[in-house]
Each structure stands twice: as structure tokens, then as C-alpha cells.
Amino acid sequence: MTTPDEGVPAALVALRRELEQLDGQLIRLLAERERLAREIGAAKRAAGIPTLDPAREAAVVRRAAALAREHGLDEEVVRAVFWKLIASARRAQHGP
């Protein structure tokens, strides 16, 4: 039986492992973002503020696109990711 990394250059294996570690960090950050979204939803409900805030959402996406530019990333990809994150935050803010 062969292992998944058999015959793969060691440098590539190391890079893949580094990427896997980064993926784990991203997942932890996404979980933290969702936790914060739930807290924001609770704070909005307590203050009688609507959970949906299109102007704020657009500002978040604009900020993310600007950061993407600064880091040489594809703005459209980052915008798409952030719209997905916002959709997830909306669901989390409605909470249990």
C-alpha cells in the first residue's frame, strides 16, 4: 500500500503541511467570526436594532476588497468570499 506522499518531493510535502496548518487557522478564525456574529445579533436584538444592515455589509465588503488590493489578491474572489461570510453571519445573528 502506498502513502499519499510517497514519491512526492519533500519540499512539496512540507508546503502542503504548512497549507494544512493555515487552513486550520482559517477554520478557527471562521468559528470566532461566527461566534462574534451571534453576539452582535443578540446585542442588536437587545437594542431593538434590525439585524439586516445593507450599508454596513457593503462597507465590510469594500474594506475587504481594499485589503485584498493591498495584498495583491483578486478583489472579486475576496468580495465573493466576504459576501458568503456575511450570509453566514446573517444566519448566525438570527440565532436560536
PDB file of N, CA and C in Angstrom:
ATOM      1  N   MET A   1       0.847  -1.179   0.000  1.00  0.00           N
ATOM      2  CA  MET A   1       0.000   0.000   0.000  1.00  0.00           C
ATOM      3  C   MET A   1       0.895   1.246   0.000  1.00  0.00           C
ATOM      4  N   THR A   2       0.524   2.244  -0.796  1.00  0.00           N
ATOM      5  CA  THR A   2       1.309   3.469  -0.860  1.00  0.00           C
ATOM      6  C   THR A   2       0.699   4.532   0.041  1.00  0.00           C
ATOM      7  N   THR A   3       1.546   5.429   0.483  1.00  0.00           N
ATOM      8  CA  THR A   3       1.066   6.560   1.280  1.00  0.00           C
ATOM      9  C   THR A   3       0.797   7.722   0.322  1.00  0.00           C
ATOM     10  N   PRO A   4      -0.064   8.659   0.725  1.00  0.00           N
ATOM     11  CA  PRO A   4      -0.384   9.773  -0.167  1.00  0.00           C
ATOM     12  C   PRO A   4       0.832  10.604  -0.590  1.00  0.00           C
ATOM     13  N   ASP A   5       1.845  10.658   0.277  1.00  0.00           N
ATOM     14  CA  ASP A   5       3.014  11.479  -0.017  1.00  0.00           C
ATOM     15  C   ASP A   5       4.163  10.691  -0.647  1.00  0.00           C
ATOM     16  N   GLU A   6       3.947   9.400  -0.898  1.00  0.00           N
ATOM     17  CA  GLU A   6       5.013   8.590  -1.469  1.00  0.00           C
ATOM     18  C   GLU A   6       5.359   9.093  -2.865  1.00  0.00           C
ATOM     19  N   GLY A   7       6.621   9.344  -3.087  1.00  0.00           N
ATOM     20  CA  GLY A   7       7.089   9.810  -4.381  1.00  0.00           C
ATOM     21  C   GLY A   7       6.953  11.312  -4.589  1.00  0.00           C
ATOM     22  N   VAL A   8       6.414  12.001  -3.587  1.00  0.00           N
ATOM     23  CA  VAL A   8       6.252  13.462  -3.685  1.00  0.00           C
ATOM     24  C   VAL A   8       7.485  14.114  -3.067  1.00  0.00           C
ATOM     25  N   PRO A   9       8.052  15.112  -3.755  1.00  0.00           N
ATOM     26  CA  PRO A   9       9.245  15.769  -3.195  1.00  0.00           C
ATOM     27  C   PRO A   9       8.983  16.298  -1.779  1.00  0.00           C
ATOM     28  N   ALA A  10       9.992  16.179  -0.933  1.00  0.00           N
ATOM     29  CA  ALA A  10       9.866  16.586   0.469  1.00  0.00           C
ATOM     30  C   ALA A  10       9.467  18.057   0.598  1.00  0.00           C
ATOM     31  N   ALA A  11       9.985  18.903  -0.270  1.00  0.00           N
ATOM     32  CA  ALA A  11       9.639  20.329  -0.201  1.00  0.00           C
ATOM     33  C   ALA A  11       8.146  20.531  -0.440  1.00  0.00           C
ATOM     34  N   LEU A  12       7.579  19.766  -1.360  1.00  0.00           N
ATOM     35  CA  LEU A  12       6.144  19.877  -1.647  1.00  0.00           C
ATOM     36  C   LEU A  12       5.322  19.358  -0.470  1.00  0.00           C
ATOM     37  N   VAL A  13       5.750  18.278   0.123  1.00  0.00           N
ATOM     38  CA  VAL A  13       5.068  17.735   1.303  1.00  0.00           C
ATOM     39  C   VAL A  13       5.068  18.778   2.420  1.00  0.00           C
ATOM     40  N   ALA A  14       6.195  19.416   2.642  1.00  0.00           N
ATOM     41  CA  ALA A  14       6.303  20.426   3.698  1.00  0.00           C
ATOM     42  C   ALA A  14       5.389  21.608   3.411  1.00  0.00           C
ATOM     43  N   LEU A  15       5.346  22.048   2.164  1.00  0.00           N
ATOM     44  CA  LEU A  15       4.474  23.164   1.797  1.00  0.00           C
ATOM     45  C   LEU A  15       3.001  22.798   1.987  1.00  0.00           C
ATOM     46  N   ARG A  16       2.660  21.587   1.622  1.00  0.00           N
ATOM     47  CA  ARG A  16       1.267  21.140   1.803  1.00  0.00           C
ATOM     48  C   ARG A  16       0.899  21.091   3.281  1.00  0.00           C
ATOM     49  N   ARG A  17       1.805  20.645   4.099  1.00  0.00           N
ATOM     50  CA  ARG A  17       1.543  20.599   5.548  1.00  0.00           C
ATOM     51  C   ARG A  17       1.373  22.005   6.108  1.00  0.00           C
ATOM     52  N   GLU A  18       2.201  22.919   5.627  1.00  0.00           N
ATOM     53  CA  GLU A  18       2.088  24.310   6.056  1.00  0.00           C
ATOM     54  C   GLU A  18       0.723  24.874   5.651  1.00  0.00           C
ATOM     55  N   LEU A  19       0.294  24.543   4.438  1.00  0.00           N
ATOM     56  CA  LEU A  19      -1.018  24.990   3.966  1.00  0.00           C
ATOM     57  C   LEU A  19      -2.138  24.381   4.811  1.00  0.00           C
ATOM     58  N   GLU A  20      -2.002  23.116   5.182  1.00  0.00           N
ATOM     59  CA  GLU A  20      -2.996  22.478   6.044  1.00  0.00           C
ATOM     60  C   GLU A  20      -3.079  23.170   7.404  1.00  0.00           C
ATOM     61  N   GLN A  21      -1.937  23.572   7.944  1.00  0.00           N
ATOM     62  CA  GLN A  21      -1.937  24.297   9.220  1.00  0.00           C
ATOM     63  C   GLN A  21      -2.645  25.638   9.073  1.00  0.00           C
ATOM     64  N   LEU A  22      -2.393  26.315   7.972  1.00  0.00           N
ATOM     65  CA  LEU A  22      -3.047  27.586   7.712  1.00  0.00           C
ATOM     66  C   LEU A  22      -4.553  27.395   7.562  1.00  0.00           C
ATOM     67  N   ASP A  23      -4.957  26.312   6.886  1.00  0.00           N
ATOM     68  CA  ASP A  23      -6.386  26.006   6.767  1.00  0.00           C
ATOM     69  C   ASP A  23      -7.023  25.840   8.144  1.00  0.00           C
ATOM     70  N   GLY A  24      -6.316  25.180   9.050  1.00  0.00           N
ATOM     71  CA  GLY A  24      -6.825  25.025  10.415  1.00  0.00           C
ATOM     72  C   GLY A  24      -6.999  26.368  11.100  1.00  0.00           C
ATOM     73  N   GLN A  25      -6.047  27.253  10.890  1.00  0.00           N
ATOM     74  CA  GLN A  25      -6.152  28.597  11.466  1.00  0.00           C
ATOM     75  C   GLN A  25      -7.347  29.339  10.884  1.00  0.00           C
ATOM     76  N   LEU A  26      -7.542  29.206   9.577  1.00  0.00           N
ATOM     77  CA  LEU A  26      -8.690  29.860   8.933  1.00  0.00           C
ATOM     78  C   LEU A  26     -10.009  29.351   9.507  1.00  0.00           C
ATOM     79  N   ILE A  27     -10.103  28.052   9.723  1.00  0.00           N
ATOM     80  CA  ILE A  27     -11.326  27.475  10.278  1.00  0.00           C
ATOM     81  C   ILE A  27     -11.567  28.016  11.683  1.00  0.00           C
ATOM     82  N   ARG A  28     -10.519  28.084  12.482  1.00  0.00           N
ATOM     83  CA  ARG A  28     -10.667  28.642  13.835  1.00  0.00           C
ATOM     84  C   ARG A  28     -11.116  30.105  13.770  1.00  0.00           C
ATOM     85  N   LEU A  29     -10.565  30.866  12.847  1.00  0.00           N
ATOM     86  CA  LEU A  29     -10.971  32.267  12.690  1.00  0.00           C
ATOM     87  C   LEU A  29     -12.416  32.383  12.220  1.00  0.00           C
ATOM     88  N   LEU A  30     -12.828  31.489  11.320  1.00  0.00           N
ATOM     89  CA  LEU A  30     -14.222  31.499  10.865  1.00  0.00           C
ATOM     90  C   LEU A  30     -15.171  31.183  12.019  1.00  0.00           C
ATOM     91  N   ALA A  31     -14.778  30.244  12.868  1.00  0.00           N
ATOM     92  CA  ALA A  31     -15.603  29.918  14.026  1.00  0.00           C
ATOM     93  C   ALA A  31     -15.698  31.114  14.970  1.00  0.00           C
ATOM     94  N   GLU A  32     -14.600  31.821  15.161  1.00  0.00           N
ATOM     95  CA  GLU A  32     -14.593  33.008  16.008  1.00  0.00           C
ATOM     96  C   GLU A  32     -15.460  34.108  15.393  1.00  0.00           C
ATOM     97  N   ARG A  33     -15.401  34.250  14.074  1.00  0.00           N
ATOM     98  CA  ARG A  33     -16.215  35.252  13.388  1.00  0.00           C
ATOM     99  C   ARG A  33     -17.699  34.948  13.583  1.00  0.00           C
ATOM    100  N   GLU A  34     -18.053  33.684  13.475  1.00  0.00           N
ATOM    101  CA  GLU A  34     -19.452  33.306  13.663  1.00  0.00           C
ATOM    102  C   GLU A  34     -19.901  33.540  15.107  1.00  0.00           C
ATOM    103  N   ARG A  35     -19.032  33.238  16.057  1.00  0.00           N
ATOM    104  CA  ARG A  35     -19.365  33.497  17.465  1.00  0.00           C
ATOM    105  C   ARG A  35     -19.648  34.985  17.673  1.00  0.00           C
ATOM    106  N   LEU A  36     -18.793  35.820  17.109  1.00  0.00           N
ATOM    107  CA  LEU A  36     -18.987  37.262  17.226  1.00  0.00           C
ATOM    108  C   LEU A  36     -20.282  37.701  16.539  1.00  0.00           C
ATOM    109  N   ALA A  37     -20.586  37.107  15.403  1.00  0.00           N
ATOM    110  CA  ALA A  37     -21.832  37.444  14.696  1.00  0.00           C
ATOM    111  C   ALA A  37     -23.042  37.116  15.565  1.00  0.00           C
ATOM    112  N   ARG A  38     -22.993  35.973  16.263  1.00  0.00           N
ATOM    113  CA  ARG A  38     -24.097  35.627  17.168  1.00  0.00           C
ATOM    114  C   ARG A  38     -24.230  36.658  18.283  1.00  0.00           C
ATOM    115  N   GLU A  39     -23.089  37.074  18.842  1.00  0.00           N
ATOM    116  CA  GLU A  39     -23.122  38.090  19.898  1.00  0.00           C
ATOM    117  C   GLU A  39     -23.649  39.422  19.371  1.00  0.00           C
ATOM    118  N   ILE A  40     -23.241  39.782  18.174  1.00  0.00           N
ATOM    119  CA  ILE A  40     -23.735  41.023  17.559  1.00  0.00           C
ATOM    120  C   ILE A  40     -25.242  40.931  17.356  1.00  0.00           C
ATOM    121  N   GLY A  41     -25.712  39.778  16.895  1.00  0.00           N
ATOM    122  CA  GLY A  41     -27.148  39.594  16.714  1.00  0.00           C
ATOM    123  C   GLY A  41     -27.899  39.770  18.027  1.00  0.00           C
ATOM    124  N   ALA A  42     -27.375  39.196  19.104  1.00  0.00           N
ATOM    125  CA  ALA A  42     -28.010  39.336  20.416  1.00  0.00           C
ATOM    126  C   ALA A  42     -28.004  40.799  20.865  1.00  0.00           C
ATOM    127  N   ALA A  43     -26.891  41.498  20.632  1.00  0.00           N
ATOM    128  CA  ALA A  43     -26.801  42.905  21.015  1.00  0.00           C
ATOM    129  C   ALA A  43     -27.779  43.751  20.204  1.00  0.00           C
ATOM    130  N   LYS A  44     -27.918  43.432  18.923  1.00  0.00           N
ATOM    131  CA  LYS A  44     -28.873  44.159  18.084  1.00  0.00           C
ATOM    132  C   LYS A  44     -30.302  43.926  18.572  1.00  0.00           C
ATOM    133  N   ARG A  45     -30.620  42.672  18.874  1.00  0.00           N
ATOM    134  CA  ARG A  45     -31.969  42.379  19.367  1.00  0.00           C
ATOM    135  C   ARG A  45     -32.240  43.110  20.675  1.00  0.00           C
ATOM    136  N   ALA A  46     -31.261  43.117  21.571  1.00  0.00           N
ATOM    137  CA  ALA A  46     -31.426  43.790  22.863  1.00  0.00           C
ATOM    138  C   ALA A  46     -31.626  45.290  22.690  1.00  0.00           C
ATOM    139  N   ALA A  47     -31.007  45.854  21.646  1.00  0.00           N
ATOM    140  CA  ALA A  47     -31.110  47.294  21.405  1.00  0.00           C
ATOM    141  C   ALA A  47     -32.276  47.640  20.482  1.00  0.00           C
ATOM    142  N   GLY A  48     -32.978  46.613  20.001  1.00  0.00           N
ATOM    143  CA  GLY A  48     -34.090  46.857  19.093  1.00  0.00           C
ATOM    144  C   GLY A  48     -33.647  47.310  17.705  1.00  0.00           C
ATOM    145  N   ILE A  49     -32.431  46.929  17.323  1.00  0.00           N
ATOM    146  CA  ILE A  49     -31.866  47.304  16.023  1.00  0.00           C
ATOM    147  C   ILE A  49     -32.083  46.143  15.054  1.00  0.00           C
ATOM    148  N   PRO A  50     -32.478  46.423  13.816  1.00  0.00           N
ATOM    149  CA  PRO A  50     -32.643  45.349  12.839  1.00  0.00           C
ATOM    150  C   PRO A  50     -31.316  44.619  12.599  1.00  0.00           C
ATOM    151  N   THR A  51     -31.405  43.319  12.407  1.00  0.00           N
ATOM    152  CA  THR A  51     -30.176  42.562  12.145  1.00  0.00           C
ATOM    153  C   THR A  51     -29.648  42.841  10.755  1.00  0.00           C
ATOM    154  N   LEU A  52     -30.511  43.086   9.807  1.00  0.00           N
ATOM    155  CA  LEU A  52     -30.072  43.352   8.439  1.00  0.00           C
ATOM    156  C   LEU A  52     -29.614  44.807   8.330  1.00  0.00           C
ATOM    157  N   ASP A  53     -28.368  45.001   7.866  1.00  0.00           N
ATOM    158  CA  ASP A  53     -27.798  46.333   7.714  1.00  0.00           C
ATOM    159  C   ASP A  53     -27.011  46.378   6.403  1.00  0.00           C
ATOM    160  N   PRO A  54     -27.711  46.575   5.281  1.00  0.00           N
ATOM    161  CA  PRO A  54     -27.052  46.529   3.972  1.00  0.00           C
ATOM    162  C   PRO A  54     -25.883  47.510   3.827  1.00  0.00           C
ATOM    163  N   ALA A  55     -25.999  48.696   4.415  1.00  0.00           N
ATOM    164  CA  ALA A  55     -24.906  49.673   4.310  1.00  0.00           C
ATOM    165  C   ALA A  55     -23.658  49.155   5.017  1.00  0.00           C
ATOM    166  N   ARG A  56     -23.830  48.567   6.192  1.00  0.00           N
ATOM    167  CA  ARG A  56     -22.696  48.009   6.936  1.00  0.00           C
ATOM    168  C   ARG A  56     -22.081  46.843   6.175  1.00  0.00           C
ATOM    169  N   GLU A  57     -22.933  45.985   5.624  1.00  0.00           N
ATOM    170  CA  GLU A  57     -22.448  44.837   4.857  1.00  0.00           C
ATOM    171  C   GLU A  57     -21.605  45.300   3.669  1.00  0.00           C
ATOM    172  N   ALA A  58     -22.092  46.294   2.943  1.00  0.00           N
ATOM    173  CA  ALA A  58     -21.351  46.810   1.792  1.00  0.00           C
ATOM    174  C   ALA A  58     -20.016  47.407   2.224  1.00  0.00           C
ATOM    175  N   ALA A  59     -20.010  48.090   3.370  1.00  0.00           N
ATOM    176  CA  ALA A  59     -18.764  48.667   3.880  1.00  0.00           C
ATOM    177  C   ALA A  59     -17.755  47.579   4.225  1.00  0.00           C
ATOM    178  N   VAL A  60     -18.233  46.478   4.804  1.00  0.00           N
ATOM    179  CA  VAL A  60     -17.349  45.356   5.144  1.00  0.00           C
ATOM    180  C   VAL A  60     -16.722  44.795   3.873  1.00  0.00           C
ATOM    181  N   VAL A  61     -17.522  44.630   2.837  1.00  0.00           N
ATOM    182  CA  VAL A  61     -17.013  44.077   1.574  1.00  0.00           C
ATOM    183  C   VAL A  61     -16.034  45.060   0.919  1.00  0.00           C
ATOM    184  N   ARG A  62     -16.350  46.346   0.951  1.00  0.00           N
ATOM    185  CA  ARG A  62     -15.420  47.341   0.388  1.00  0.00           C
ATOM    186  C   ARG A  62     -14.078  47.319   1.126  1.00  0.00           C
ATOM    187  N   ARG A  63     -14.135  47.225   2.445  1.00  0.00           N
ATOM    188  CA  ARG A  63     -12.905  47.176   3.239  1.00  0.00           C
ATOM    189  C   ARG A  63     -12.093  45.925   2.889  1.00  0.00           C
ATOM    190  N   ALA A  64     -12.774  44.800   2.748  1.00  0.00           N
ATOM    191  CA  ALA A  64     -12.091  43.554   2.399  1.00  0.00           C
ATOM    192  C   ALA A  64     -11.450  43.660   1.009  1.00  0.00           C
ATOM    193  N   ALA A  65     -12.148  44.281   0.067  1.00  0.00           N
ATOM    194  CA  ALA A  65     -11.602  44.448  -1.285  1.00  0.00           C
ATOM    195  C   ALA A  65     -10.364  45.337  -1.257  1.00  0.00           C
ATOM    196  N   ALA A  66     -10.396  46.390  -0.450  1.00  0.00           N
ATOM    197  CA  ALA A  66      -9.233  47.273  -0.323  1.00  0.00           C
ATOM    198  C   ALA A  66      -8.046  46.512   0.268  1.00  0.00           C
ATOM    199  N   LEU A  67      -8.308  45.707   1.276  1.00  0.00           N
ATOM    200  CA  LEU A  67      -7.235  44.891   1.864  1.00  0.00           C
ATOM    201  C   LEU A  67      -6.702  43.887   0.851  1.00  0.00           C
ATOM    202  N   ALA A  68      -7.600  43.327   0.052  1.00  0.00           N
ATOM    203  CA  ALA A  68      -7.174  42.393  -0.988  1.00  0.00           C
ATOM    204  C   ALA A  68      -6.205  43.085  -1.945  1.00  0.00           C
ATOM    205  N   ARG A  69      -6.547  44.293  -2.373  1.00  0.00           N
ATOM    206  CA  ARG A  69      -5.660  45.057  -3.270  1.00  0.00           C
ATOM    207  C   ARG A  69      -4.292  45.261  -2.639  1.00  0.00           C
ATOM    208  N   GLU A  70      -4.293  45.644  -1.368  1.00  0.00           N
ATOM    209  CA  GLU A  70      -3.026  45.893  -0.664  1.00  0.00           C
ATOM    210  C   GLU A  70      -2.136  44.655  -0.633  1.00  0.00           C
ATOM    211  N   HIS A  71      -2.774  43.481  -0.611  1.00  0.00           N
ATOM    212  CA  HIS A  71      -2.018  42.225  -0.503  1.00  0.00           C
ATOM    213  C   HIS A  71      -1.875  41.494  -1.836  1.00  0.00           C
ATOM    214  N   GLY A  72      -2.275  42.169  -2.912  1.00  0.00           N
ATOM    215  CA  GLY A  72      -2.109  41.573  -4.235  1.00  0.00           C
ATOM    216  C   GLY A  72      -3.056  40.417  -4.527  1.00  0.00           C
ATOM    217  N   LEU A  73      -4.201  40.405  -3.858  1.00  0.00           N
ATOM    218  CA  LEU A  73      -5.179  39.337  -4.076  1.00  0.00           C
ATOM    219  C   LEU A  73      -6.248  39.774  -5.068  1.00  0.00           C
ATOM    220  N   ASP A  74      -6.914  38.814  -5.649  1.00  0.00           N
ATOM    221  CA  ASP A  74      -8.010  39.066  -6.582  1.00  0.00           C
ATOM    222  C   ASP A  74      -9.194  39.635  -5.797  1.00  0.00           C
ATOM    223  N   GLU A  75      -9.524  40.890  -6.063  1.00  0.00           N
ATOM    224  CA  GLU A  75     -10.598  41.560  -5.328  1.00  0.00           C
ATOM    225  C   GLU A  75     -11.941  40.850  -5.480  1.00  0.00           C
ATOM    226  N   GLU A  76     -12.226  40.387  -6.672  1.00  0.00           N
ATOM    227  CA  GLU A  76     -13.525  39.740  -6.904  1.00  0.00           C
ATOM    228  C   GLU A  76     -13.659  38.452  -6.108  1.00  0.00           C
ATOM    229  N   VAL A  77     -12.586  37.712  -6.002  1.00  0.00           N
ATOM    230  CA  VAL A  77     -12.609  36.485  -5.205  1.00  0.00           C
ATOM    231  C   VAL A  77     -12.849  36.838  -3.739  1.00  0.00           C
ATOM    232  N   VAL A  78     -12.140  37.837  -3.253  1.00  0.00           N
ATOM    233  CA  VAL A  78     -12.291  38.250  -1.857  1.00  0.00           C
ATOM    234  C   VAL A  78     -13.698  38.781  -1.610  1.00  0.00           C
ATOM    235  N   ARG A  79     -14.223  39.567  -2.540  1.00  0.00           N
ATOM    236  CA  ARG A  79     -15.603  40.055  -2.395  1.00  0.00           C
ATOM    237  C   ARG A  79     -16.580  38.882  -2.293  1.00  0.00           C
ATOM    238  N   ALA A  80     -16.412  37.900  -3.170  1.00  0.00           N
ATOM    239  CA  ALA A  80     -17.313  36.741  -3.151  1.00  0.00           C
ATOM    240  C   ALA A  80     -17.225  36.001  -1.822  1.00  0.00           C
ATOM    241  N   VAL A  81     -16.016  35.830  -1.313  1.00  0.00           N
ATOM    242  CA  VAL A  81     -15.831  35.160  -0.024  1.00  0.00           C
ATOM    243  C   VAL A  81     -16.521  35.952   1.077  1.00  0.00           C
ATOM    244  N   PHE A  82     -16.348  37.261   1.066  1.00  0.00           N
ATOM    245  CA  PHE A  82     -16.940  38.069   2.132  1.00  0.00           C
ATOM    246  C   PHE A  82     -18.464  38.121   2.039  1.00  0.00           C
ATOM    247  N   TRP A  83     -19.019  38.105   0.840  1.00  0.00           N
ATOM    248  CA  TRP A  83     -20.483  38.041   0.757  1.00  0.00           C
ATOM    249  C   TRP A  83     -20.982  36.720   1.341  1.00  0.00           C
ATOM    250  N   LYS A  84     -20.227  35.641   1.135  1.00  0.00           N
ATOM    251  CA  LYS A  84     -20.604  34.351   1.743  1.00  0.00           C
ATOM    252  C   LYS A  84     -20.494  34.436   3.267  1.00  0.00           C
ATOM    253  N   LEU A  85     -19.428  35.072   3.755  1.00  0.00           N
ATOM    254  CA  LEU A  85     -19.265  35.235   5.204  1.00  0.00           C
ATOM    255  C   LEU A  85     -20.402  36.064   5.785  1.00  0.00           C
ATOM    256  N   ILE A  86     -20.804  37.086   5.073  1.00  0.00           N
ATOM    257  CA  ILE A  86     -21.902  37.928   5.539  1.00  0.00           C
ATOM    258  C   ILE A  86     -23.203  37.141   5.573  1.00  0.00           C
ATOM    259  N   ALA A  87     -23.442  36.316   4.568  1.00  0.00           N
ATOM    260  CA  ALA A  87     -24.647  35.480   4.562  1.00  0.00           C
ATOM    261  C   ALA A  87     -24.642  34.545   5.774  1.00  0.00           C
ATOM    262  N   SER A  88     -23.480  33.993   6.082  1.00  0.00           N
ATOM    263  CA  SER A  88     -23.362  33.124   7.254  1.00  0.00           C
ATOM    264  C   SER A  88     -23.598  33.916   8.535  1.00  0.00           C
ATOM    265  N   ALA A  89     -23.063  35.136   8.587  1.00  0.00           N
ATOM    266  CA  ALA A  89     -23.257  35.991   9.772  1.00  0.00           C
ATOM    267  C   ALA A  89     -24.717  36.343   9.956  1.00  0.00           C
ATOM    268  N   ARG A  90     -25.421  36.591   8.869  1.00  0.00           N
ATOM    269  CA  ARG A  90     -26.859  36.879   8.968  1.00  0.00           C
ATOM    270  C   ARG A  90     -27.599  35.719   9.630  1.00  0.00           C
ATOM    271  N   ARG A  91     -27.280  34.500   9.163  1.00  0.00           N
ATOM    272  CA  ARG A  91     -27.925  33.315   9.753  1.00  0.00           C
ATOM    273  C   ARG A  91     -27.574  33.208  11.230  1.00  0.00           C
ATOM    274  N   ALA A  92     -26.318  33.445  11.567  1.00  0.00           N
ATOM    275  CA  ALA A  92     -25.883  33.355  12.966  1.00  0.00           C
ATOM    276  C   ALA A  92     -26.531  34.428  13.812  1.00  0.00           C
ATOM    277  N   GLN A  93     -26.717  35.615  13.257  1.00  0.00           N
ATOM    278  CA  GLN A  93     -27.306  36.712  14.030  1.00  0.00           C
ATOM    279  C   GLN A  93     -28.760  36.470  14.354  1.00  0.00           C
ATOM    280  N   HIS A  94     -29.430  35.710  13.530  1.00  0.00           N
ATOM    281  CA  HIS A  94     -30.830  35.406  13.849  1.00  0.00           C
ATOM    282  C   HIS A  94     -30.924  34.430  15.014  1.00  0.00           C
ATOM    283  N   GLY A  95     -29.834  33.705  15.203  1.00  0.00           N
ATOM    284  CA  GLY A  95     -29.655  32.868  16.386  1.00  0.00           C
ATOM    285  C   GLY A  95     -30.802  31.955  16.745  1.00  0.00           C
ATOM    286  N   PRO A  96     -30.576  31.222  17.823  1.00  0.00           N
ATOM    287  CA  PRO A  96     -31.599  30.280  18.302  1.00  0.00           C
ATOM    288  C   PRO A  96     -32.735  31.018  19.011  1.00  0.00           C
TER     289      PRO A  96
END
